[in-house]
Amino acid sequence: MTTLVSLVYMSVAVDELTDAELVGLLRDARLTNDALGVSGLLVAKGGRFMQVLEGPEWSVEDRFSAIKADPRHQDVRSLSMERIDARRFDGWSMAFGNPTDADVRDDPGFSTFLERRSGLPKALAGSPADWLLRWFRSRDLRAVPDEQVTLARTAA
């Protein structure tokens, strides 16, 4: 039986990405992650990314290594890694701001997680990934200097 893991990381975007660039990132990542058996959620907000990657340990480690080497990110920090019994995300999706293109909202991988106070899988409840994602959603990180971003158990 394959060991499944869940990894959560946060990073800072090198450049502000447009909606079109984020949609391109979403579509490319869905193809790559599907091929490697990785599921999860990527959230982009305020010039930062937070992502939950889940799948076989080797696949998650491979994706995280590629992410750390991706020139679109800097200050990539692993925040949590845990063994999981079953996947909590169906496929791979991405949430970001309020896209100006209405077609983006219809993309199969677009998530409304940033707009709604719900939207996370019930199986995620109480996990490190759950409170990290809620913490990320509830903060205006653009106004906070990098050295002052701390992760406290005050998730919304």
Protein backbone atom coordinates (compact mmCIF):
# COMPACT_ATOMS: atom_id res chain seq x y z
CA MET A 1 0.00 0.00 0.00
CA THR A 2 1.29 3.45 -0.91
CA THR A 3 1.84 5.92 1.90
CA LEU A 4 -0.08 9.15 1.30
CA VAL A 5 1.16 12.47 2.67
CA SER A 6 -0.10 16.02 2.80
CA LEU A 7 2.38 18.89 2.57
CA VAL A 8 1.52 22.57 3.01
CA TYR A 9 3.94 25.30 1.94
CA MET A 10 3.87 29.06 1.56
CA SER A 11 5.93 31.21 -0.80
CA VAL A 12 6.24 34.75 -2.11
CA ALA A 13 5.64 35.47 -5.79
CA VAL A 14 8.60 37.11 -7.51
CA ASP A 15 6.26 39.16 -9.75
CA GLU A 16 2.56 39.99 -9.54
CA LEU A 17 0.75 37.52 -11.78
CA THR A 18 -2.18 38.52 -13.98
CA ASP A 19 -5.40 36.51 -14.08
CA ALA A 20 -4.30 35.08 -17.44
CA GLU A 21 -0.95 33.96 -15.98
CA LEU A 22 -2.70 32.41 -12.97
CA VAL A 23 -5.10 30.53 -15.27
CA GLY A 24 -2.11 29.28 -17.29
CA LEU A 25 -0.45 28.16 -14.05
CA LEU A 26 -3.67 26.40 -13.01
CA ARG A 27 -3.99 24.51 -16.30
CA ASP A 28 -0.31 23.51 -16.46
CA ALA A 29 -0.29 22.37 -12.84
CA ARG A 30 -3.43 20.28 -13.29
CA LEU A 31 -1.76 18.34 -16.12
CA THR A 32 1.50 17.81 -14.25
CA ASN A 33 -0.10 16.97 -10.93
CA ASP A 34 -2.63 14.58 -12.49
CA ALA A 35 0.21 12.72 -14.22
CA LEU A 36 2.08 12.36 -10.91
CA GLY A 37 -0.97 11.45 -8.84
CA VAL A 38 -0.88 14.67 -6.81
CA SER A 39 -4.05 16.42 -5.65
CA GLY A 40 -4.55 19.52 -3.55
CA LEU A 41 -5.28 23.23 -3.57
CA LEU A 42 -3.16 26.24 -4.53
CA VAL A 43 -4.23 29.62 -3.16
CA ALA A 44 -2.77 32.86 -4.55
CA LYS A 45 -3.40 36.11 -2.71
CA GLY A 46 -1.54 39.31 -1.95
CA GLY A 47 1.60 38.28 -3.80
CA ARG A 48 1.85 35.00 -1.88
CA PHE A 49 1.04 31.37 -2.51
CA MET A 50 -0.08 28.69 -0.10
CA GLN A 51 -0.51 25.19 -1.41
CA VAL A 52 -1.60 21.83 -0.08
CA LEU A 53 -0.06 18.93 -2.00
CA GLU A 54 -1.25 15.41 -1.29
CA GLY A 55 -0.45 12.05 -2.77
CA PRO A 56 2.20 9.35 -2.65
CA GLU A 57 5.18 10.58 -0.64
CA TRP A 58 7.62 10.40 -3.58
CA SER A 59 5.23 12.41 -5.83
CA VAL A 60 4.67 15.12 -3.24
CA GLU A 61 8.40 15.38 -2.57
CA ASP A 62 9.08 15.58 -6.33
CA ARG A 63 6.52 18.37 -6.82
CA PHE A 64 7.82 20.30 -3.81
CA SER A 65 11.40 20.08 -5.12
CA ALA A 66 10.24 21.44 -8.48
CA ILE A 67 8.32 24.24 -6.76
CA LYS A 68 11.35 25.26 -4.71
CA ALA A 69 13.35 25.53 -7.95
CA ASP A 70 10.61 27.47 -9.81
CA PRO A 71 11.83 31.05 -10.46
CA ARG A 72 8.30 32.43 -9.95
CA HIS A 73 8.64 31.74 -6.19
CA GLN A 74 10.96 32.90 -3.47
CA ASP A 75 11.06 32.25 0.27
CA VAL A 76 9.44 28.82 -0.18
CA ARG A 77 8.71 27.41 3.30
CA SER A 78 7.31 24.02 4.21
CA LEU A 79 4.76 24.55 6.98
CA SER A 80 3.30 21.12 7.59
CA MET A 81 3.74 17.54 6.46
CA GLU A 82 1.54 14.74 7.70
CA ARG A 83 0.65 11.21 6.75
CA ILE A 84 -2.97 10.87 5.67
CA ASP A 85 -5.21 7.82 5.30
CA ALA A 86 -7.08 9.12 2.25
CA ARG A 87 -7.04 12.08 -0.10
CA ARG A 88 -9.05 15.06 1.02
CA PHE A 89 -9.02 16.95 -2.28
CA ASP A 90 -10.59 15.57 -5.43
CA GLY A 91 -8.12 16.43 -8.16
CA TRP A 92 -6.28 19.73 -8.07
CA SER A 93 -7.68 23.24 -7.92
CA MET A 94 -6.61 26.84 -7.47
CA ALA A 95 -8.18 29.85 -5.78
CA PHE A 96 -7.21 33.43 -6.45
CA GLY A 97 -8.86 36.80 -5.90
CA ASN A 98 -11.70 37.93 -8.08
CA PRO A 99 -10.81 37.04 -11.64
CA THR A 100 -11.91 39.61 -14.18
CA ASP A 101 -12.61 36.94 -16.81
CA ALA A 102 -15.97 35.28 -16.18
CA ASP A 103 -14.77 32.19 -18.10
CA VAL A 104 -12.15 31.59 -15.39
CA ARG A 105 -14.90 30.87 -12.89
CA ASP A 106 -16.14 28.07 -15.14
CA ASP A 107 -12.71 26.44 -15.40
CA PRO A 108 -12.90 22.98 -13.77
CA GLY A 109 -9.95 23.76 -11.52
CA PHE A 110 -11.03 27.17 -10.24
CA SER A 111 -11.93 27.24 -6.54
CA THR A 112 -14.03 29.88 -4.78
CA PHE A 113 -12.27 29.17 -1.46
CA LEU A 114 -11.14 32.80 -1.05
CA GLU A 115 -14.65 34.18 -1.57
CA ARG A 116 -16.60 31.81 0.66
CA ARG A 117 -16.17 31.05 4.35
CA SER A 118 -16.61 27.39 3.50
CA GLY A 119 -15.47 25.31 0.59
CA LEU A 120 -12.88 23.00 2.15
CA PRO A 121 -13.42 19.24 2.18
CA LYS A 122 -15.02 18.02 5.42
CA ALA A 123 -12.27 15.41 5.86
CA LEU A 124 -9.76 18.27 6.20
CA ALA A 125 -11.41 19.62 9.38
CA GLY A 126 -9.05 19.99 12.32
CA SER A 127 -5.92 19.17 10.34
CA PRO A 128 -2.86 21.42 10.04
CA ALA A 129 -3.79 22.03 6.38
CA ASP A 130 -7.27 23.17 7.44
CA TRP A 131 -6.14 25.85 9.87
CA LEU A 132 -3.23 26.98 7.66
CA LEU A 133 -5.56 27.55 4.71
CA ARG A 134 -8.07 29.40 6.89
CA TRP A 135 -5.24 31.49 8.39
CA PHE A 136 -4.05 32.40 4.87
CA ARG A 137 -7.56 33.30 3.69
CA SER A 138 -8.24 35.57 6.65
CA ARG A 139 -5.09 37.73 6.37
CA ASP A 140 -4.16 40.71 4.21
CA LEU A 141 -0.61 39.55 3.62
CA ARG A 142 0.24 42.28 1.13
CA ALA A 143 0.48 44.81 3.96
CA VAL A 144 2.65 42.60 6.17
CA PRO A 145 6.46 42.57 5.74
CA ASP A 146 7.85 39.10 5.01
CA GLU A 147 9.72 38.92 8.31
CA GLN A 148 6.48 39.58 10.22
CA VAL A 149 4.41 36.81 8.65
CA THR A 150 3.88 34.34 11.44
CA LEU A 151 1.61 31.35 11.63
CA ALA A 152 -0.48 31.45 14.74
CA ARG A 153 -3.39 29.19 15.58
CA THR A 154 -5.84 31.99 14.99
CA ALA A 155 -7.27 30.73 11.72
CA ALA A 156 -10.64 32.14 10.79
